[in-house]
Amino acid sequence: MSTIEQPFLKNALAGVMALEPYSPGMPIDELQRRLGLTDIIKLASNENPLGPSPLVKAALAEHAAKGNVSLYPDGGGFRLKAKIAEFHGIDTSRITLGNGSNDLLVFIARVFLGPGRKALFSEYCFAVYPLATLAQNAEAIVAKALPPDHPRMPYGHDLDALAAALTPEVSVVMIANPNNPTGTWVEAAALEAFVAKVPASTLVVLDEAYIEYFEPSLKPGSRAWLDRYPNLVITRTFSKTYGLAGLRAGYALSHPSVADLLNRVRQPFNLNMLALLAAEVALGDQAHVAKAVELNRSEMVRLKTEFTALGLKVLPSQANFLTFDLGREAAPIHKGLLERGVIVRPMASYDMPTYLRVSIGTTAENTRFLDALKAALAA
């Protein structure tokens, strides 16, 4: 009897049965196993190429020497929440901790979505939005994005299309700014104007996983919006700019009543003690964040220049990656890069089959990528 014929499967939620599992980027050891390569760089998952702050590394080493991992971590994350509260000038009652910001998106779906309810988001959005929605047996409403030939923001969020799709059944609107996988963004004034239009009964989730990479003149002051819009939730992560992707830590800022509900479904030990410690120390080392942002900015300019010289179209980005159009099926070029030990992200699963996405690495990693790309294009 095949798996699909097992009788217990009739009890599985219809939304879960309809899901396709999230497809993560290829890990280095998998490429090593497949091709027998040893010299591999991974530029597929938008990680910080500098890694965590030296202060974080020192704190983790000290903890490893004398810490007691047989004890449970602080289930309430008291110290980390206090640091976040100080950093943002916000009360701890408005903070929810997550195992990365992914965790928070799932909490929001569990609390505010279900049968008869709808979540609204844009085309080319973060893959977790539809996954979290369908897992709750809720309906996903997908608004058309700006067209590929848009003169300013191709594939970007179309706020007018999102506003037009709002109905009383929409419980949650999810917007990533900057957006993954495109890198595009929404200007601050337009975004706040949209938030102001959304009915007070509908939650607006601003997913700001890449917020630190924004040019200062473009960065939205979303923290201040929380005081004006009780239905606004902001999610942040320590996985990107802070370099803690392997430890998994994130948080949400919201109205206290929203945080109270999210904390009801949050598992009491969803952050382990090393993640709590690392996030606390990382938040205090903004000099390391600035160093990572500066490297990203200078190397992004370099990669854009090289893409233009190769005749490749690149999407505008305020994140730590670039999504670029090869003008032909990307799969053979992706394969050629893998054969040369360079892992990037194909975009076919996002209905962008001619695009690849590359994370901004170190200067040496980016040189290696460019050399491999030129060779794959010429093959």
Protein backbone atom coordinates (compact mmCIF):
# COMPACT_ATOMS: atom_id res chain seq x y z
CA MET A 1 0.00 0.00 0.00
CA SER A 2 1.46 3.38 -0.97
CA THR A 3 1.84 6.19 1.54
CA ILE A 4 -1.00 8.18 0.02
CA GLU A 5 -3.39 5.24 0.55
CA GLN A 6 -2.78 4.88 4.28
CA PRO A 7 -6.17 5.27 6.01
CA PHE A 8 -4.93 7.57 8.76
CA LEU A 9 -4.12 10.24 6.16
CA LYS A 10 -7.81 11.10 5.89
CA ASN A 11 -7.42 12.83 9.26
CA ALA A 12 -4.66 15.16 8.05
CA LEU A 13 -5.66 18.76 7.46
CA ALA A 14 -6.53 19.47 3.84
CA GLY A 15 -4.28 22.51 3.81
CA VAL A 16 -1.29 20.47 4.95
CA MET A 17 -1.98 17.80 2.34
CA ALA A 18 -1.97 20.51 -0.35
CA LEU A 19 1.43 21.86 0.68
CA GLU A 20 4.73 21.37 -1.07
CA PRO A 21 7.56 21.20 1.51
CA TYR A 22 9.87 24.20 1.70
CA SER A 23 12.90 23.64 -0.52
CA PRO A 24 16.05 24.88 1.29
CA GLY A 25 19.27 25.86 -0.42
CA MET A 26 21.74 23.08 -1.11
CA PRO A 27 24.18 22.54 1.79
CA ILE A 28 27.91 22.36 1.14
CA ASP A 29 28.25 18.72 2.21
CA GLU A 30 25.52 17.66 -0.23
CA LEU A 31 27.40 19.18 -3.16
CA GLN A 32 30.57 17.51 -1.88
CA ARG A 33 28.76 14.17 -1.84
CA ARG A 34 27.28 14.62 -5.31
CA LEU A 35 30.32 15.86 -7.19
CA GLY A 36 33.24 14.97 -4.97
CA LEU A 37 34.31 18.61 -4.71
CA THR A 38 36.19 19.95 -1.71
CA ASP A 39 36.59 23.65 -2.52
CA ILE A 40 33.03 24.97 -2.30
CA ILE A 41 31.48 28.34 -1.50
CA LYS A 42 27.82 28.77 -0.62
CA LEU A 43 26.11 31.97 -1.74
CA ALA A 44 22.54 30.66 -1.69
CA SER A 45 20.97 31.41 1.69
CA ASN A 46 21.69 35.10 2.34
CA GLU A 47 23.97 34.50 5.30
CA ASN A 48 26.43 37.07 6.64
CA PRO A 49 29.82 36.16 5.13
CA LEU A 50 31.62 37.72 8.11
CA GLY A 51 29.81 35.44 10.53
CA PRO A 52 28.91 36.54 14.05
CA SER A 53 30.57 39.27 16.06
CA PRO A 54 33.89 38.35 17.72
CA LEU A 55 32.17 39.24 20.99
CA VAL A 56 29.57 36.56 20.29
CA LYS A 57 32.24 33.98 19.56
CA ALA A 58 34.01 34.83 22.81
CA ALA A 59 30.78 34.63 24.81
CA LEU A 60 29.90 31.25 23.31
CA ALA A 61 33.40 29.91 24.00
CA GLU A 62 33.21 31.09 27.60
CA HIS A 63 29.81 29.50 28.00
CA ALA A 64 31.05 26.23 26.53
CA ALA A 65 33.84 26.19 29.11
CA LYS A 66 31.64 26.72 32.15
CA GLY A 67 27.99 26.67 31.06
CA ASN A 68 25.58 23.96 32.13
CA VAL A 69 23.65 22.68 29.12
CA SER A 70 21.80 20.15 31.27
CA LEU A 71 19.61 22.98 32.52
CA TYR A 72 16.69 24.38 30.54
CA PRO A 73 17.17 27.86 29.09
CA ASP A 74 15.22 30.86 30.34
CA GLY A 75 11.79 30.09 28.89
CA GLY A 76 10.79 33.75 28.94
CA GLY A 77 14.03 35.09 27.50
CA PHE A 78 14.17 37.78 30.18
CA ARG A 79 17.66 39.12 29.44
CA LEU A 80 17.27 39.12 25.66
CA LYS A 81 13.86 40.78 25.82
CA ALA A 82 15.31 43.45 28.10
CA LYS A 83 18.09 44.12 25.54
CA ILE A 84 15.59 44.30 22.67
CA ALA A 85 13.33 46.60 24.70
CA GLU A 86 16.24 48.94 25.39
CA PHE A 87 17.39 48.85 21.75
CA HIS A 88 13.96 49.78 20.37
CA GLY A 89 12.65 51.89 23.24
CA ILE A 90 9.71 49.57 23.74
CA ASP A 91 8.14 47.73 26.66
CA THR A 92 8.94 44.03 27.03
CA SER A 93 5.20 43.29 27.00
CA ARG A 94 5.31 44.05 23.26
CA ILE A 95 8.04 41.53 22.41
CA THR A 96 7.71 37.90 21.34
CA LEU A 97 10.81 35.76 20.85
CA GLY A 98 11.10 33.26 18.01
CA ASN A 99 13.38 30.55 16.70
CA GLY A 100 14.29 32.91 13.88
CA SER A 101 11.62 35.22 12.47
CA ASN A 102 10.16 32.18 10.66
CA ASP A 103 8.85 31.04 14.02
CA LEU A 104 6.96 34.31 14.51
CA LEU A 105 5.26 34.03 11.12
CA VAL A 106 3.99 30.58 12.08
CA PHE A 107 2.76 31.89 15.46
CA ILE A 108 0.84 34.65 13.70
CA ALA A 109 -0.78 32.14 11.35
CA ARG A 110 -1.72 29.84 14.24
CA VAL A 111 -3.39 32.66 16.15
CA PHE A 112 -5.07 34.65 13.38
CA LEU A 113 -5.69 32.23 10.51
CA GLY A 114 -7.95 29.24 10.03
CA PRO A 115 -10.87 27.94 7.94
CA GLY A 116 -12.88 30.81 6.45
CA ARG A 117 -10.04 33.28 6.95
CA LYS A 118 -7.58 34.63 4.40
CA ALA A 119 -3.99 35.81 4.30
CA LEU A 120 -2.94 38.37 1.71
CA PHE A 121 0.53 38.72 0.24
CA SER A 122 2.23 39.55 -3.02
CA GLU A 123 3.54 37.41 -5.84
CA TYR A 124 7.22 36.50 -5.47
CA CYS A 125 6.92 36.59 -1.69
CA PHE A 126 8.84 34.66 0.94
CA ALA A 127 7.89 30.97 0.60
CA VAL A 128 6.89 30.64 4.26
CA TYR A 129 3.83 32.91 3.84
CA PRO A 130 1.78 30.43 1.81
CA LEU A 131 3.16 27.49 3.80
CA ALA A 132 2.04 28.98 7.13
CA THR A 133 -1.33 29.98 5.66
CA LEU A 134 -2.28 26.67 4.09
CA ALA A 135 -1.10 24.74 7.15
CA GLN A 136 -3.92 26.50 9.06
CA ASN A 137 -6.53 25.57 6.42
CA ALA A 138 -6.80 29.25 5.56
CA GLU A 139 -6.95 30.70 2.06
CA ALA A 140 -3.98 32.44 0.46
CA ILE A 141 -4.81 35.55 -1.59
CA VAL A 142 -1.94 36.48 -3.89
CA ALA A 143 -1.88 40.03 -5.26
CA LYS A 144 -0.14 40.65 -8.56
CA ALA A 145 3.31 42.17 -8.24
CA LEU A 146 4.60 45.04 -10.32
CA PRO A 147 5.42 43.78 -13.83
CA PRO A 148 8.90 42.60 -14.89
CA ASP A 149 9.26 45.65 -17.13
CA HIS A 150 8.34 48.17 -14.43
CA PRO A 151 10.79 51.09 -14.86
CA ARG A 152 11.63 51.46 -11.17
CA MET A 153 10.78 48.31 -9.22
CA PRO A 154 10.29 45.21 -11.41
CA TYR A 155 8.71 42.31 -9.51
CA GLY A 156 8.15 44.63 -6.52
CA HIS A 157 5.10 44.78 -4.29
CA ASP A 158 2.14 46.59 -5.86
CA LEU A 159 0.49 48.30 -2.90
CA ASP A 160 -2.53 49.28 -4.99
CA ALA A 161 -3.08 45.63 -5.93
CA LEU A 162 -2.73 44.60 -2.29
CA ALA A 163 -5.22 47.28 -1.20
CA ALA A 164 -7.69 46.20 -3.87
CA ALA A 165 -7.53 42.61 -2.61
CA LEU A 166 -8.47 43.52 0.98
CA THR A 167 -11.79 42.03 2.07
CA PRO A 168 -13.38 41.48 5.51
CA GLU A 169 -12.17 37.86 5.39
CA VAL A 170 -8.51 38.90 5.20
CA SER A 171 -7.16 38.46 8.71
CA VAL A 172 -3.47 38.98 7.95
CA VAL A 173 -1.46 40.91 5.35
CA MET A 174 2.22 39.94 5.05
CA ILE A 175 4.80 42.24 3.46
CA ALA A 176 8.55 41.66 3.43
CA ASN A 177 10.55 44.86 3.18
CA PRO A 178 13.09 44.37 1.62
CA ASN A 179 11.53 41.40 -0.08
CA ASN A 180 12.98 37.92 -0.41
CA PRO A 181 13.60 36.55 -3.06
CA THR A 182 13.64 39.72 -5.19
CA GLY A 183 15.47 42.24 -2.97
CA THR A 184 12.93 44.91 -3.95
CA TRP A 185 11.45 47.28 -1.41
CA VAL A 186 8.56 49.64 -0.71
CA GLU A 187 9.23 53.30 -0.02
CA ALA A 188 8.53 54.34 3.55
CA ALA A 189 5.81 56.95 2.90
CA ALA A 190 3.90 54.67 0.55
CA LEU A 191 4.16 51.76 2.96
CA GLU A 192 2.86 53.73 5.92
CA ALA A 193 0.03 55.08 3.79
CA PHE A 194 -0.89 51.48 2.97
CA VAL A 195 -0.78 50.42 6.63
CA ALA A 196 -3.10 53.33 7.45
CA LYS A 197 -5.62 52.06 4.85
CA VAL A 198 -5.82 48.54 6.25
CA PRO A 199 -8.87 48.01 8.49
CA ALA A 200 -8.08 47.90 12.20
CA SER A 201 -9.46 44.34 12.31
CA THR A 202 -6.74 43.10 9.93
CA LEU A 203 -3.20 42.43 11.11
CA VAL A 204 -0.36 43.89 9.01
CA VAL A 205 2.90 41.96 9.33
CA LEU A 206 6.06 43.75 8.21
CA ASP A 207 8.76 41.14 7.77
CA GLU A 208 12.00 43.10 8.20
CA ALA A 209 14.56 40.29 8.11
CA TYR A 210 16.89 42.42 5.96
CA ILE A 211 16.11 45.84 7.45
CA GLU A 212 19.69 46.61 8.53
CA TYR A 213 20.89 46.52 4.91
CA PHE A 214 18.68 49.44 3.85
CA GLU A 215 20.39 52.61 2.70
CA PRO A 216 19.86 55.03 5.63
CA SER A 217 17.88 57.47 3.50
CA LEU A 218 15.46 54.72 2.44
CA LYS A 219 15.04 52.86 5.72
CA PRO A 220 11.45 53.09 7.00
CA GLY A 221 10.90 54.22 10.58
CA SER A 222 8.55 51.33 11.20
CA ARG A 223 9.24 51.16 14.93
CA ALA A 224 7.46 54.53 15.34
CA TRP A 225 4.47 53.23 13.37
CA LEU A 226 3.74 50.70 16.11
CA ASP A 227 2.53 53.54 18.31
CA ARG A 228 0.08 54.69 15.62
CA TYR A 229 -1.24 51.36 14.34
CA PRO A 230 -2.17 48.74 16.97
CA ASN A 231 -2.74 46.16 14.20
CA LEU A 232 0.91 46.34 13.04
CA VAL A 233 3.43 43.58 13.80
CA ILE A 234 7.14 43.85 12.91
CA THR A 235 9.30 40.74 12.71
CA ARG A 236 13.10 40.84 12.89
CA THR A 237 15.84 38.20 12.86
CA PHE A 238 19.40 37.67 14.05
CA SER A 239 20.04 35.26 11.16
CA LYS A 240 21.10 37.79 8.53
CA THR A 241 23.08 40.88 9.51
CA TYR A 242 23.95 39.53 12.95
CA GLY A 243 25.35 36.29 11.50
CA LEU A 244 23.47 33.87 13.77
CA ALA A 245 21.62 31.81 11.15
CA GLY A 246 22.82 28.52 12.63
CA LEU A 247 21.60 29.39 16.14
CA ARG A 248 18.14 30.70 15.14
CA ALA A 249 16.85 33.73 17.01
CA GLY A 250 14.30 36.36 16.08
CA TYR A 251 11.59 38.52 17.59
CA ALA A 252 8.36 40.34 16.92
CA LEU A 253 7.33 43.82 18.06
CA SER A 254 3.61 44.44 18.40
CA HIS A 255 0.74 45.74 20.49
CA PRO A 256 0.79 44.04 23.93
CA SER A 257 -2.47 42.23 23.19
CA VAL A 258 -0.98 40.69 20.05
CA ALA A 259 2.22 39.72 21.88
CA ASP A 260 0.11 38.12 24.61
CA LEU A 261 -1.63 35.89 22.07
CA LEU A 262 1.59 35.00 20.26
CA ASN A 263 3.22 34.07 23.54
CA ARG A 264 0.32 31.72 24.30
CA VAL A 265 1.22 29.53 21.31
CA ARG A 266 4.99 29.97 21.65
CA GLN A 267 6.70 26.93 23.10
CA PRO A 268 8.35 27.83 26.44
CA PHE A 269 11.87 26.86 25.33
CA ASN A 270 11.76 27.78 21.65
CA LEU A 271 15.16 29.51 21.95
CA ASN A 272 18.01 27.45 23.34
CA MET A 273 20.43 29.00 25.84
CA LEU A 274 23.18 29.53 23.25
CA ALA A 275 20.82 31.36 20.90
CA LEU A 276 19.60 33.57 23.75
CA LEU A 277 23.17 34.41 24.78
CA ALA A 278 24.41 35.00 21.23
CA ALA A 279 21.49 37.25 20.31
CA GLU A 280 21.93 39.32 23.46
CA VAL A 281 25.63 39.89 22.81
CA ALA A 282 25.15 40.44 19.07
CA LEU A 283 22.59 43.18 19.61
CA GLY A 284 25.15 45.03 21.69
CA ASP A 285 27.82 45.00 18.96
CA GLN A 286 26.44 47.42 16.39
CA ALA A 287 29.98 48.08 15.12
CA HIS A 288 30.03 44.55 13.72
CA VAL A 289 26.65 45.14 12.09
CA ALA A 290 28.00 48.32 10.48
CA LYS A 291 31.04 46.42 9.18
CA ALA A 292 28.82 43.76 7.60
CA VAL A 293 26.55 46.38 6.02
CA GLU A 294 29.51 48.28 4.56
CA LEU A 295 31.00 45.13 3.03
CA ASN A 296 27.61 44.25 1.58
CA ARG A 297 27.16 47.72 0.09
CA SER A 298 30.55 47.90 -1.61
CA GLU A 299 30.45 44.35 -2.95
CA MET A 300 26.90 44.79 -4.23
CA VAL A 301 28.05 47.76 -6.33
CA ARG A 302 30.85 45.62 -7.69
CA LEU A 303 28.57 42.71 -8.61
CA LYS A 304 26.03 45.01 -10.25
CA THR A 305 28.78 46.52 -12.39
CA GLU A 306 29.95 43.07 -13.45
CA PHE A 307 26.40 41.93 -14.26
CA THR A 308 25.87 44.98 -16.44
CA ALA A 309 29.13 44.28 -18.28
CA LEU A 310 27.91 40.73 -18.94
CA GLY A 311 24.62 42.04 -20.33
CA LEU A 312 22.60 40.60 -17.46
CA LYS A 313 19.58 42.32 -15.94
CA VAL A 314 19.69 42.63 -12.14
CA LEU A 315 16.75 43.52 -9.91
CA PRO A 316 17.08 46.49 -7.55
CA SER A 317 17.95 45.33 -4.04
CA GLN A 318 18.22 46.71 -0.53
CA ALA A 319 19.02 43.30 0.94
CA ASN A 320 22.21 41.22 1.04
CA PHE A 321 21.63 39.43 -2.25
CA LEU A 322 21.03 40.12 -5.91
CA THR A 323 18.50 38.40 -8.15
CA PHE A 324 19.55 38.50 -11.78
CA ASP A 325 18.08 37.52 -15.13
CA LEU A 326 20.13 35.36 -17.49
CA GLY A 327 17.71 35.97 -20.35
CA ARG A 328 17.41 32.21 -20.85
CA GLU A 329 16.67 29.10 -18.84
CA ALA A 330 18.77 29.40 -15.68
CA ALA A 331 19.01 25.68 -14.85
CA PRO A 332 22.05 24.94 -17.08
CA ILE A 333 23.95 27.94 -15.68
CA HIS A 334 23.03 26.91 -12.15
CA LYS A 335 24.38 23.43 -12.90
CA GLY A 336 27.55 24.94 -14.34
CA LEU A 337 28.09 26.95 -11.17
CA LEU A 338 27.60 23.86 -9.00
CA GLU A 339 30.14 21.97 -11.08
CA ARG A 340 32.59 24.77 -10.32
CA GLY A 341 31.89 24.60 -6.59
CA VAL A 342 29.63 27.65 -6.29
CA ILE A 343 26.17 27.29 -4.76
CA VAL A 344 23.57 29.95 -5.61
CA ARG A 345 19.78 29.84 -5.51
CA PRO A 346 17.67 29.00 -8.57
CA MET A 347 14.41 30.92 -8.81
CA ALA A 348 12.28 28.46 -10.83
CA SER A 349 10.23 27.59 -7.72
CA TYR A 350 9.22 31.27 -7.56
CA ASP A 351 8.04 31.22 -11.21
CA MET A 352 11.20 33.05 -12.28
CA PRO A 353 12.90 30.31 -14.33
CA THR A 354 15.42 32.60 -16.03
CA TYR A 355 16.67 34.08 -12.74
CA LEU A 356 19.28 33.13 -10.15
CA ARG A 357 19.79 34.70 -6.73
CA VAL A 358 23.27 35.16 -5.29
CA SER A 359 24.08 36.19 -1.74
CA ILE A 360 26.73 38.88 -1.35
CA GLY A 361 29.85 37.18 -0.01
CA THR A 362 33.32 38.33 0.87
CA THR A 363 35.47 39.96 -1.80
CA ALA A 364 37.24 36.65 -2.45
CA GLU A 365 33.97 34.68 -2.61
CA ASN A 366 32.44 37.16 -5.02
CA THR A 367 35.51 36.98 -7.26
CA ARG A 368 35.19 33.19 -7.26
CA PHE A 369 31.49 33.44 -8.13
CA LEU A 370 32.09 35.89 -10.97
CA ASP A 371 34.83 33.72 -12.47
CA ALA A 372 32.57 30.67 -12.27
CA LEU A 373 29.62 32.56 -13.75
CA LYS A 374 31.66 33.78 -16.72
CA ALA A 375 32.91 30.25 -17.34
CA ALA A 376 29.40 28.78 -17.09
CA LEU A 377 28.01 31.40 -19.47
CA ALA A 378 30.77 30.68 -21.98
CA ALA A 379 30.45 26.87 -21.77
